[in-house]
Amino acid sequence: MRGRAALITAFDPFSFRGGIETYTLQLVALLKRHAVDCDIVSPGSDAWHDRGFHNNYLGSLYRMGRKVFENDKDYDFIIANAFYGLGYFPPRVKTFNIFHLTHKAFAEQIKDAVPQSQFLEWKLLWGELGESASGFGRTKIAVSESVGEELRRWYGFREITVLHNGVDTKIFVKVDRLSSREKWGIPPDVGVGLYVGRWDLLKGCDILEGVIAQTPDVYWVVVLGTGSDRKSVPQFDNVRVIEQVDHGDMPELYSAADFMLFPSRYEGFGYVIIEAMACGLPVITTNVGIAKTIFRAEPFCELLLPAPSSAHENVISSAIEKIGSLQIGDWREFVAAEGRRVIEEYYDIETWEKGILRILGIS
């Protein structure tokens, strides 16, 4: 007997690609393999123009949830990402809410980098209103220990299941370095630094720009995520910008690099961290998302950056120092091997699949 589920999310995962969208596609594919048809419910492209709550985004999400409410008898269970299912209230069938981040914690981390109005919107509308409501009467799943702690601290949630995201270690594995460089037009005989994500202040682009300016001997590959404006990336002779990379091609770019720099101001998880590590690539990162768990231990803690709220130059100088430490071949290879081992043992996609099936009650 087949089952049917609705998965409520904000963006079509087939046209927009971020961490939540990666998770959504993994989950839908897994459910399909277990005979559960899953309807992805997201606002249409014209929905954002219809005002609601005096806010296009929140109003569209609310009305989307109400439509699910009207038809929830058609589903065996409902899954909602983040606070996107706030309009499905109160839940009348078994409902799971997957918290990929908390906007109250996010807002606090980036309040000095955004206008006050944006800070208050994220903290109060998305957080206090959206996420608080999204925890009512639902099984709450946090994608990392840090998100679980934030849910307890900011919303007083108690019954939370932490299930780390996973990566397919059969796909995300180190491949031939030279052939990867040749395919992507990367010089074969240079030290290569990699950045993957939006070129955004919230992702630490100011830190990255400062590091690039002071490391002319490093060839930087900047892989821009969805929603980035290529024109906003400063022009440097040692920078190659690549856009619209298929997710399946990312192991080649991870394998072509010598290290990845990830100076984000906040992450709920940070898929690129475990993807890079699975491909044997050392990661220099701020203490965000899954790094709060993995980078507690040696040797990874040696590659943690100061908080972005620290003095700007201190973060940049720390990053440059850690890049220098990875010039030592034996040390770099040790970090790479340990990274691969940790991902295989704790963050392989099969571990996540077994966990989410157990939580959803699917045998």
Protein backbone atom coordinates (compact mmCIF):
# COMPACT_ATOMS: atom_id res chain seq x y z
CA MET A 1 0.00 0.00 0.00
CA ARG A 2 1.39 3.35 -1.02
CA GLY A 3 1.41 6.39 1.23
CA ARG A 4 1.17 10.08 0.47
CA ALA A 5 2.83 13.06 2.12
CA ALA A 6 2.98 16.83 1.61
CA LEU A 7 6.29 18.63 2.01
CA ILE A 8 5.87 22.37 2.59
CA THR A 9 8.79 24.56 1.59
CA ALA A 10 9.44 28.10 0.39
CA PHE A 11 11.27 27.57 -2.90
CA ASP A 12 11.02 25.07 -5.73
CA PRO A 13 14.05 22.81 -5.17
CA PHE A 14 14.29 22.10 -8.90
CA SER A 15 14.93 25.76 -9.76
CA PHE A 16 16.59 27.07 -6.59
CA ARG A 17 19.48 25.28 -4.93
CA GLY A 18 20.52 25.83 -1.34
CA GLY A 19 20.93 23.65 1.72
CA ILE A 20 17.20 23.31 2.37
CA GLU A 21 16.57 22.49 -1.27
CA THR A 22 19.30 19.82 -1.25
CA TYR A 23 17.69 18.31 1.84
CA THR A 24 14.24 18.43 0.21
CA LEU A 25 15.37 16.57 -2.90
CA GLN A 26 17.13 13.92 -0.79
CA LEU A 27 14.02 13.42 1.33
CA VAL A 28 11.59 13.23 -1.60
CA ALA A 29 13.82 10.69 -3.37
CA LEU A 30 14.05 8.58 -0.20
CA LEU A 31 10.28 8.63 0.34
CA LYS A 32 9.69 7.60 -3.25
CA ARG A 33 11.95 4.57 -2.79
CA HIS A 34 9.77 3.60 0.17
CA ALA A 35 6.48 3.88 -1.72
CA VAL A 36 5.49 7.28 -0.36
CA ASP A 37 4.38 9.82 -2.96
CA CYS A 38 5.41 13.29 -1.84
CA ASP A 39 3.82 16.51 -3.07
CA ILE A 40 6.24 19.43 -2.85
CA VAL A 41 4.14 22.44 -1.88
CA SER A 42 5.73 25.86 -2.49
CA PRO A 43 4.34 29.26 -3.52
CA GLY A 44 4.03 29.87 -7.26
CA SER A 45 6.26 32.45 -8.91
CA ASP A 46 3.45 35.02 -8.82
CA ALA A 47 2.57 34.47 -5.16
CA TRP A 48 5.15 36.93 -3.86
CA HIS A 49 3.26 39.85 -5.45
CA ASP A 50 0.12 39.26 -3.39
CA ARG A 51 0.44 41.08 -0.10
CA GLY A 52 -0.47 39.41 3.16
CA PHE A 53 0.39 40.33 6.75
CA HIS A 54 1.64 43.52 5.03
CA ASN A 55 4.54 41.31 3.94
CA ASN A 56 4.57 39.43 0.63
CA TYR A 57 6.76 36.56 1.80
CA LEU A 58 5.00 35.77 5.06
CA GLY A 59 1.54 36.22 3.55
CA SER A 60 2.29 33.83 0.70
CA LEU A 61 3.62 31.20 3.07
CA TYR A 62 0.59 31.55 5.31
CA ARG A 63 -1.90 31.13 2.46
CA MET A 64 0.08 28.15 1.15
CA GLY A 65 -0.28 26.48 4.56
CA ARG A 66 -4.01 27.20 4.63
CA LYS A 67 -4.40 25.41 1.29
CA VAL A 68 -2.67 22.38 2.75
CA PHE A 69 -4.99 22.63 5.77
CA GLU A 70 -8.03 22.48 3.48
CA ASN A 71 -6.76 19.25 1.90
CA ASP A 72 -4.82 17.58 4.71
CA LYS A 73 -7.18 14.59 4.75
CA ASP A 74 -5.49 13.55 1.50
CA TYR A 75 -2.17 12.95 3.28
CA ASP A 76 -0.83 10.35 5.68
CA PHE A 77 1.57 12.89 7.14
CA ILE A 78 2.92 16.36 6.50
CA ILE A 79 6.49 17.67 6.61
CA ALA A 80 7.39 21.34 6.79
CA ASN A 81 10.78 22.96 6.34
CA ALA A 82 11.77 25.76 8.73
CA PHE A 83 8.75 27.98 9.51
CA TYR A 84 7.33 27.63 6.01
CA GLY A 85 4.37 25.60 7.25
CA LEU A 86 3.15 28.21 9.72
CA GLY A 87 -0.15 28.47 7.81
CA TYR A 88 -0.84 24.79 8.42
CA PHE A 89 -2.20 25.42 11.92
CA PRO A 90 -3.29 23.70 14.03
CA PRO A 91 -2.01 20.41 12.59
CA ARG A 92 -4.75 17.83 12.14
CA VAL A 93 -2.65 14.97 10.79
CA LYS A 94 0.75 13.78 11.91
CA THR A 95 3.17 16.62 11.17
CA PHE A 96 6.95 16.90 11.27
CA ASN A 97 8.82 20.20 11.30
CA ILE A 98 12.43 20.21 10.18
CA PHE A 99 14.37 23.14 11.60
CA HIS A 100 17.34 23.92 9.38
CA LEU A 101 18.22 27.03 11.41
CA THR A 102 16.64 29.43 13.90
CA HIS A 103 16.07 32.99 12.78
CA LYS A 104 16.38 34.44 16.27
CA ALA A 105 19.92 33.07 16.60
CA PHE A 106 20.65 34.03 13.01
CA ALA A 107 19.45 37.59 13.59
CA GLU A 108 21.60 37.97 16.70
CA GLN A 109 24.70 36.79 14.83
CA ILE A 110 24.31 39.20 11.93
CA LYS A 111 22.64 42.21 13.57
CA ASP A 112 25.74 44.36 13.10
CA ALA A 113 25.88 43.53 9.40
CA VAL A 114 22.31 44.39 8.36
CA PRO A 115 19.91 47.33 8.80
CA GLN A 116 17.90 47.42 12.03
CA SER A 117 14.65 46.83 10.12
CA GLN A 118 16.04 43.62 8.61
CA PHE A 119 17.30 42.43 11.99
CA LEU A 120 13.87 42.96 13.57
CA GLU A 121 12.07 41.26 10.68
CA TRP A 122 14.20 38.14 10.93
CA LYS A 123 14.09 38.05 14.72
CA LEU A 124 10.43 38.86 15.29
CA LEU A 125 8.52 37.86 12.16
CA TRP A 126 10.48 34.83 10.98
CA GLY A 127 11.59 33.83 14.47
CA GLU A 128 9.19 34.85 17.20
CA LEU A 129 6.09 34.46 15.05
CA GLY A 130 6.96 31.89 12.38
CA GLU A 131 9.26 29.47 14.16
CA SER A 132 7.40 29.59 17.47
CA ALA A 133 4.15 28.63 15.73
CA SER A 134 5.93 25.97 13.70
CA GLY A 135 6.86 24.06 16.82
CA PHE A 136 3.27 23.65 18.02
CA GLY A 137 1.82 20.14 17.90
CA ARG A 138 4.54 18.76 15.64
CA THR A 139 7.49 16.40 15.89
CA LYS A 140 10.48 18.75 15.89
CA ILE A 141 13.64 17.72 14.03
CA ALA A 142 16.86 19.77 14.22
CA VAL A 143 19.52 19.24 11.54
CA SER A 144 22.43 19.87 13.92
CA GLU A 145 23.22 20.02 17.61
CA SER A 146 23.60 23.79 17.35
CA VAL A 147 20.08 24.21 15.93
CA GLY A 148 18.71 21.94 18.65
CA GLU A 149 20.37 24.09 21.32
CA GLU A 150 19.02 27.26 19.69
CA LEU A 151 15.47 25.87 19.68
CA ARG A 152 15.72 25.20 23.39
CA ARG A 153 17.29 28.56 24.19
CA TRP A 154 15.18 30.88 22.06
CA TYR A 155 11.78 29.15 22.00
CA GLY A 156 11.82 26.89 25.04
CA PHE A 157 11.18 23.78 22.94
CA ARG A 158 11.93 20.57 24.83
CA GLU A 159 11.16 17.46 22.78
CA ILE A 160 13.60 17.85 19.90
CA THR A 161 15.18 15.10 17.81
CA VAL A 162 18.60 15.99 16.42
CA LEU A 163 19.41 14.24 13.16
CA HIS A 164 22.44 15.50 11.28
CA ASN A 165 22.23 15.92 7.53
CA GLY A 166 24.16 13.47 5.39
CA VAL A 167 26.19 13.38 2.21
CA ASP A 168 26.51 10.53 -0.28
CA THR A 169 30.11 9.46 0.22
CA LYS A 170 29.95 7.35 -2.93
CA ILE A 171 29.41 10.52 -4.96
CA PHE A 172 31.31 13.00 -2.82
CA VAL A 173 34.73 11.43 -2.93
CA LYS A 174 38.10 12.71 -4.04
CA VAL A 175 38.67 12.29 -7.77
CA ASP A 176 41.76 12.88 -9.88
CA ARG A 177 43.09 16.34 -9.12
CA LEU A 178 44.86 17.11 -12.38
CA SER A 179 42.02 15.97 -14.62
CA SER A 180 39.60 18.03 -12.54
CA ARG A 181 41.78 21.10 -12.92
CA GLU A 182 42.08 20.54 -16.63
CA LYS A 183 38.31 20.22 -17.06
CA TRP A 184 37.59 23.44 -15.16
CA GLY A 185 40.46 25.46 -16.61
CA ILE A 186 42.41 25.66 -13.34
CA PRO A 187 46.22 25.86 -13.63
CA PRO A 188 47.84 22.53 -12.70
CA ASP A 189 50.76 23.90 -10.67
CA VAL A 190 49.28 26.48 -8.29
CA GLY A 191 47.89 26.41 -4.76
CA VAL A 192 44.10 26.61 -5.06
CA GLY A 193 41.70 28.03 -2.52
CA LEU A 194 37.98 27.36 -2.90
CA TYR A 195 34.88 29.26 -1.79
CA VAL A 196 31.38 27.85 -2.36
CA GLY A 197 28.26 29.89 -1.66
CA ARG A 198 26.52 33.19 -2.24
CA TRP A 199 28.66 36.30 -2.46
CA ASP A 200 26.93 37.84 0.52
CA LEU A 201 27.98 39.76 3.61
CA LEU A 202 26.13 37.18 5.71
CA LYS A 203 28.35 34.49 4.20
CA GLY A 204 31.48 36.49 5.05
CA CYS A 205 32.30 37.84 1.59
CA ASP A 206 34.03 40.81 3.24
CA ILE A 207 36.38 38.41 5.05
CA LEU A 208 36.95 36.43 1.88
CA GLU A 209 37.71 39.58 -0.10
CA GLY A 210 40.26 40.66 2.49
CA VAL A 211 41.97 37.27 2.44
CA ILE A 212 42.08 37.15 -1.36
CA ALA A 213 43.64 40.61 -1.51
CA GLN A 214 46.46 39.47 0.78
CA THR A 215 47.15 36.07 -0.82
CA PRO A 216 48.25 36.83 -4.40
CA ASP A 217 50.09 33.51 -4.55
CA VAL A 218 46.81 31.57 -4.12
CA TYR A 219 44.58 30.89 -7.13
CA TRP A 220 41.04 31.35 -5.87
CA VAL A 221 38.05 29.52 -7.32
CA VAL A 222 34.76 31.14 -6.31
CA VAL A 223 31.74 28.92 -6.97
CA LEU A 224 28.70 31.16 -6.68
CA GLY A 225 25.48 29.87 -5.22
CA THR A 226 21.96 30.68 -6.34
CA GLY A 227 21.02 34.31 -5.84
CA SER A 228 24.52 35.72 -6.27
CA ASP A 229 25.36 38.70 -8.45
CA ARG A 230 28.60 37.98 -10.28
CA LYS A 231 29.20 41.69 -10.72
CA SER A 232 29.46 42.06 -6.95
CA VAL A 233 32.58 39.86 -6.84
CA PRO A 234 35.65 42.15 -6.89
CA GLN A 235 38.05 41.80 -9.80
CA PHE A 236 41.32 40.10 -8.86
CA ASP A 237 43.90 38.60 -11.19
CA ASN A 238 44.03 35.46 -9.04
CA VAL A 239 40.28 34.79 -8.92
CA ARG A 240 38.21 32.53 -11.17
CA VAL A 241 34.43 32.82 -10.76
CA ILE A 242 32.27 29.84 -11.72
CA GLU A 243 28.47 29.94 -11.79
CA GLN A 244 25.66 27.44 -12.22
CA VAL A 245 27.58 24.32 -11.24
CA ASP A 246 25.51 21.14 -11.14
CA HIS A 247 25.58 19.57 -7.71
CA GLY A 248 26.94 16.35 -9.19
CA ASP A 249 29.97 18.22 -10.54
CA MET A 250 31.01 19.64 -7.19
CA PRO A 251 33.29 16.69 -6.23
CA GLU A 252 35.55 17.70 -9.14
CA LEU A 253 35.91 21.25 -7.84
CA TYR A 254 36.45 20.10 -4.26
CA SER A 255 39.12 17.71 -5.54
CA ALA A 256 40.82 20.39 -7.63
CA ALA A 257 41.41 22.63 -4.59
CA ASP A 258 43.96 22.52 -1.77
CA PHE A 259 41.63 23.97 0.87
CA MET A 260 38.23 25.62 1.26
CA LEU A 261 37.58 28.87 3.12
CA PHE A 262 34.12 29.21 4.64
CA PRO A 263 33.86 32.43 6.71
CA SER A 264 30.07 32.45 7.17
CA ARG A 265 28.50 34.52 9.93
CA TYR A 266 25.79 31.92 10.59
CA GLU A 267 24.77 28.46 9.42
CA GLY A 268 22.21 26.02 10.69
CA PHE A 269 24.19 23.17 9.18
CA GLY A 270 26.48 24.03 6.25
CA TYR A 271 26.35 21.25 3.66
CA VAL A 272 29.47 22.46 1.87
CA ILE A 273 31.54 21.69 4.97
CA ILE A 274 30.77 17.98 4.93
CA GLU A 275 30.80 17.79 1.13
CA ALA A 276 34.32 19.22 1.02
CA MET A 277 35.54 16.99 3.84
CA ALA A 278 34.07 13.92 2.14
CA CYS A 279 36.21 14.82 -0.89
CA GLY A 280 39.36 15.00 1.25
CA LEU A 281 39.50 18.80 1.24
CA PRO A 282 40.60 20.63 4.41
CA VAL A 283 38.12 23.31 5.48
CA ILE A 284 38.97 26.59 7.20
CA THR A 285 35.73 27.81 8.75
CA THR A 286 34.05 29.95 11.33
CA ASN A 287 32.42 28.09 14.21
CA VAL A 288 28.98 27.75 12.64
CA GLY A 289 26.47 24.97 12.05
CA ILE A 290 27.95 21.50 11.90
CA ALA A 291 31.43 22.92 12.48
CA LYS A 292 30.38 23.45 16.12
CA THR A 293 30.26 19.66 16.41
CA ILE A 294 33.00 18.41 14.09
CA PHE A 295 35.56 21.13 14.78
CA ARG A 296 35.59 20.61 18.54
CA ALA A 297 38.20 17.90 18.03
CA GLU A 298 41.70 17.69 16.62
CA PRO A 299 42.85 18.29 13.98
CA PHE A 300 39.89 20.34 12.79
CA CYS A 301 39.88 22.78 15.72
CA GLU A 302 43.22 24.05 14.39
CA LEU A 303 41.35 25.38 11.35
CA LEU A 304 38.64 27.34 13.19
CA LEU A 305 38.51 31.08 12.58
CA PRO A 306 37.64 33.71 15.19
CA ALA A 307 34.01 34.81 15.21
CA PRO A 308 33.22 37.26 12.39
CA SER A 309 32.13 39.71 15.10
CA SER A 310 35.79 39.93 16.12
CA ALA A 311 38.04 42.61 14.69
CA HIS A 312 37.94 42.31 10.91
CA GLU A 313 41.71 42.17 10.51
CA ASN A 314 42.03 39.48 13.18
CA VAL A 315 39.76 37.13 11.23
CA ILE A 316 41.62 37.81 7.99
CA SER A 317 45.06 37.34 9.55
CA SER A 318 43.90 34.10 11.20
CA ALA A 319 42.65 32.78 7.86
CA ILE A 320 45.95 33.62 6.18
CA GLU A 321 47.86 31.89 8.98
CA LYS A 322 45.78 28.73 8.61
CA ILE A 323 46.20 28.77 4.84
CA GLY A 324 49.94 28.89 5.44
CA SER A 325 49.78 25.90 7.79
CA LEU A 326 48.16 23.85 5.02
CA GLN A 327 51.19 24.40 2.81
CA ILE A 328 52.79 21.61 4.84
CA GLY A 329 51.97 18.54 2.79
CA ASP A 330 51.95 15.95 5.59
CA TRP A 331 49.69 18.10 7.77
CA ARG A 332 47.30 18.82 4.91
CA GLU A 333 47.09 15.13 4.01
CA PHE A 334 46.45 14.19 7.63
CA VAL A 335 43.59 16.70 7.93
CA ALA A 336 42.18 15.49 4.60
CA ALA A 337 42.25 11.82 5.63
CA GLU A 338 40.70 12.52 9.04
CA GLY A 339 37.98 14.59 7.43
CA ARG A 340 37.04 11.80 5.07
CA ARG A 341 37.02 9.29 7.93
CA VAL A 342 34.70 11.42 10.10
CA ILE A 343 32.22 11.98 7.28
CA GLU A 344 32.15 8.29 6.37
CA GLU A 345 31.58 7.29 9.99
CA TYR A 346 29.04 9.88 11.13
CA TYR A 347 27.61 11.86 8.20
CA ASP A 348 27.10 9.38 5.39
CA ILE A 349 23.72 9.68 3.67
CA GLU A 350 22.76 6.15 4.71
CA THR A 351 23.00 7.12 8.39
CA TRP A 352 20.66 10.05 7.78
CA GLU A 353 18.26 7.91 5.72
CA LYS A 354 17.90 5.31 8.47
CA GLY A 355 17.36 8.05 11.02
CA ILE A 356 14.69 9.99 9.14
CA LEU A 357 12.79 6.82 8.20
CA ARG A 358 12.75 5.82 11.87
CA ILE A 359 11.46 9.27 12.93
CA LEU A 360 8.78 9.28 10.24
CA GLY A 361 7.72 5.75 11.20
CA ILE A 362 8.44 4.26 7.79
CA SER A 363 9.84 0.74 7.73
